[in-house]
């Protein structure tokens, strides 16, 4: 059986913005996939929140590598799920694909994000996989993608 997707939102930034918010996500689906690619106005990590909730109820674990150096780290009690590492900068395009499983279930949510950026300034590549958990008690109806600086115009 072929896997199919329904595109429910798409956006391309016309100007720089510190967050990209997808609101009023219908709860008629069991899983959600989101894709983000672009650049930042200056070096920053990228984070995800659900329902604009900044409570310390997120956990994440990352495993990946910068060039040939493997890395693994995790954190809990956070106000967001981190989905990037190595601080991509203005010349480092990034690509993130996130899958959220059971997002319309009020008691169980997990997320799997895959991250890649080509660090053209250093000649290295950073690739990572993140697993995140949000311990919220309501269904997810909003996805907030944030950074400490701004996503550059043209990010989509």
Protein backbone atom coordinates (compact mmCIF):
# COMPACT_ATOMS: atom_id res chain seq x y z
CA UNK A 1 0.00 0.00 0.00
CA UNK A 2 1.41 3.38 -1.00
CA UNK A 3 1.90 6.04 1.64
CA UNK A 4 0.03 9.22 0.83
CA UNK A 5 0.07 12.66 2.40
CA UNK A 6 -2.43 15.50 2.44
CA UNK A 7 -0.78 18.91 2.34
CA UNK A 8 -2.67 20.99 4.90
CA UNK A 9 -0.37 24.05 5.07
CA UNK A 10 2.47 25.60 3.13
CA UNK A 11 4.28 28.88 3.63
CA UNK A 12 7.34 30.73 2.35
CA UNK A 13 8.62 33.62 4.44
CA UNK A 14 8.49 36.96 2.63
CA UNK A 15 10.65 38.53 5.33
CA UNK A 16 12.73 37.33 8.26
CA UNK A 17 10.82 35.92 11.26
CA UNK A 18 11.85 34.40 14.60
CA UNK A 19 9.05 31.81 14.50
CA UNK A 20 6.90 29.95 12.04
CA UNK A 21 3.51 28.96 13.43
CA UNK A 22 1.02 26.53 11.98
CA UNK A 23 -2.28 27.00 13.79
CA UNK A 24 -5.70 25.35 13.67
CA UNK A 25 -4.25 21.98 12.68
CA UNK A 26 -7.23 19.67 12.17
CA UNK A 27 -7.40 16.66 14.48
CA UNK A 28 -8.73 14.39 11.72
CA UNK A 29 -5.28 12.84 11.18
CA UNK A 30 -3.40 10.43 13.44
CA UNK A 31 0.10 11.55 12.45
CA UNK A 32 1.68 14.75 11.17
CA UNK A 33 4.76 15.34 8.99
CA UNK A 34 6.37 18.75 8.63
CA UNK A 35 9.30 19.85 6.51
CA UNK A 36 11.37 23.02 6.86
CA UNK A 37 14.28 24.18 4.72
CA UNK A 38 16.07 27.48 4.50
CA UNK A 39 18.66 29.60 6.24
CA UNK A 40 18.92 31.80 9.32
CA UNK A 41 19.84 35.48 9.58
CA UNK A 42 22.62 34.51 12.04
CA UNK A 43 23.73 31.37 13.85
CA UNK A 44 21.05 29.84 16.06
CA UNK A 45 19.57 26.55 17.14
CA UNK A 46 16.08 25.59 15.99
CA UNK A 47 13.33 24.44 18.36
CA UNK A 48 9.77 23.11 18.24
CA UNK A 49 6.87 23.74 20.60
CA UNK A 50 3.30 22.54 20.47
CA UNK A 51 0.23 24.72 21.15
CA UNK A 52 2.55 27.65 22.08
CA UNK A 53 3.18 25.80 25.34
CA UNK A 54 6.49 26.87 26.89
CA UNK A 55 6.13 24.81 30.09
CA UNK A 56 9.05 22.56 31.02
CA UNK A 57 7.32 19.40 29.75
CA UNK A 58 9.48 18.54 26.72
CA UNK A 59 12.28 15.99 26.47
CA UNK A 60 14.60 15.20 23.59
CA UNK A 61 17.48 12.92 22.68
CA UNK A 62 19.84 13.51 19.78
CA UNK A 63 22.28 11.22 18.08
CA UNK A 64 24.28 12.33 15.07
CA UNK A 65 27.62 13.53 13.83
CA UNK A 66 29.52 16.58 12.71
CA UNK A 67 31.82 15.42 9.92
CA UNK A 68 33.10 12.08 11.23
CA UNK A 69 32.72 12.86 14.94
CA UNK A 70 29.73 11.05 16.50
CA UNK A 71 27.68 12.80 19.17
CA UNK A 72 24.84 11.81 21.48
CA UNK A 73 23.05 13.90 24.09
CA UNK A 74 19.64 14.21 25.72
CA UNK A 75 17.75 16.62 27.91
CA UNK A 76 14.46 16.71 29.80
CA UNK A 77 12.39 19.34 31.57
CA UNK A 78 12.75 21.76 28.65
CA UNK A 79 10.44 24.44 27.29
CA UNK A 80 10.87 23.09 23.74
CA UNK A 81 12.28 20.23 21.68
CA UNK A 82 15.61 21.09 20.12
CA UNK A 83 15.79 19.97 16.48
CA UNK A 84 19.15 21.32 15.32
CA UNK A 85 22.73 21.38 16.45
CA UNK A 86 25.95 23.07 15.37
CA UNK A 87 24.16 26.43 15.02
CA UNK A 88 23.56 26.77 11.28
CA UNK A 89 24.44 30.28 10.11
CA UNK A 90 23.46 32.48 7.17
CA UNK A 91 25.59 30.52 4.72
CA UNK A 92 24.56 27.10 6.08
CA UNK A 93 21.27 25.94 4.55
CA UNK A 94 19.35 23.47 6.69
CA UNK A 95 16.69 20.84 6.08
CA UNK A 96 14.47 19.42 8.81
CA UNK A 97 11.79 16.75 8.43
CA UNK A 98 9.67 16.06 11.49
CA UNK A 99 7.12 13.33 12.12
CA UNK A 100 4.68 13.55 15.03
CA UNK A 101 2.92 10.31 15.92
CA UNK A 102 -0.39 10.24 17.78
CA UNK A 103 -0.56 14.05 17.78
CA UNK A 104 -4.33 14.19 18.17
CA UNK A 105 -4.25 11.83 21.14
CA UNK A 106 -4.55 13.76 24.41
CA UNK A 107 -2.43 11.28 26.37
CA UNK A 108 0.40 10.16 24.04
CA UNK A 109 2.62 12.10 21.70
CA UNK A 110 6.05 11.36 20.34
CA UNK A 111 8.04 13.05 17.65
CA UNK A 112 10.89 12.02 15.41
CA UNK A 113 12.86 14.72 13.63
CA UNK A 114 15.65 14.29 11.11
CA UNK A 115 18.02 17.20 10.65
CA UNK A 116 20.72 18.00 8.10
CA UNK A 117 22.74 21.10 7.38
CA UNK A 118 25.69 21.63 5.13
CA UNK A 119 28.14 23.88 6.95
CA UNK A 120 29.72 25.50 3.94
CA UNK A 121 31.74 27.91 6.09
CA UNK A 122 33.66 25.13 7.85
CA UNK A 123 33.48 22.46 5.18
CA UNK A 124 31.82 20.09 7.65
CA UNK A 125 28.41 18.48 7.58
CA UNK A 126 26.11 18.02 10.53
CA UNK A 127 23.46 15.33 10.48
CA UNK A 128 21.33 14.33 13.41
CA UNK A 129 18.25 12.46 14.48
CA UNK A 130 16.12 13.70 17.34
CA UNK A 131 13.46 11.91 19.33
CA UNK A 132 11.23 14.22 21.34
CA UNK A 133 8.37 13.84 23.78
CA UNK A 134 5.82 16.42 24.81
CA UNK A 135 4.00 15.63 28.03
CA UNK A 136 0.99 17.82 27.30
CA UNK A 137 -2.52 16.75 28.22
CA UNK A 138 -4.39 18.03 25.16
CA UNK A 139 -4.29 17.24 21.46
CA UNK A 140 -1.77 19.18 19.38
CA UNK A 141 -3.50 21.79 17.21
CA UNK A 142 -0.57 24.17 16.74
CA UNK A 143 3.05 23.67 15.68
CA UNK A 144 5.55 26.41 16.57
CA UNK A 145 9.02 26.34 14.98
CA UNK A 146 11.39 28.81 16.67
CA UNK A 147 14.97 30.04 16.64
CA UNK A 148 16.99 32.47 18.77
CA UNK A 149 17.58 34.83 15.83
CA UNK A 150 15.41 34.79 12.68
CA UNK A 151 14.62 32.49 9.81
CA UNK A 152 15.69 34.27 6.61
CA UNK A 153 13.21 35.35 3.94
CA UNK A 154 12.59 32.47 1.54
CA UNK A 155 12.61 29.81 4.27
CA UNK A 156 9.81 27.35 3.60
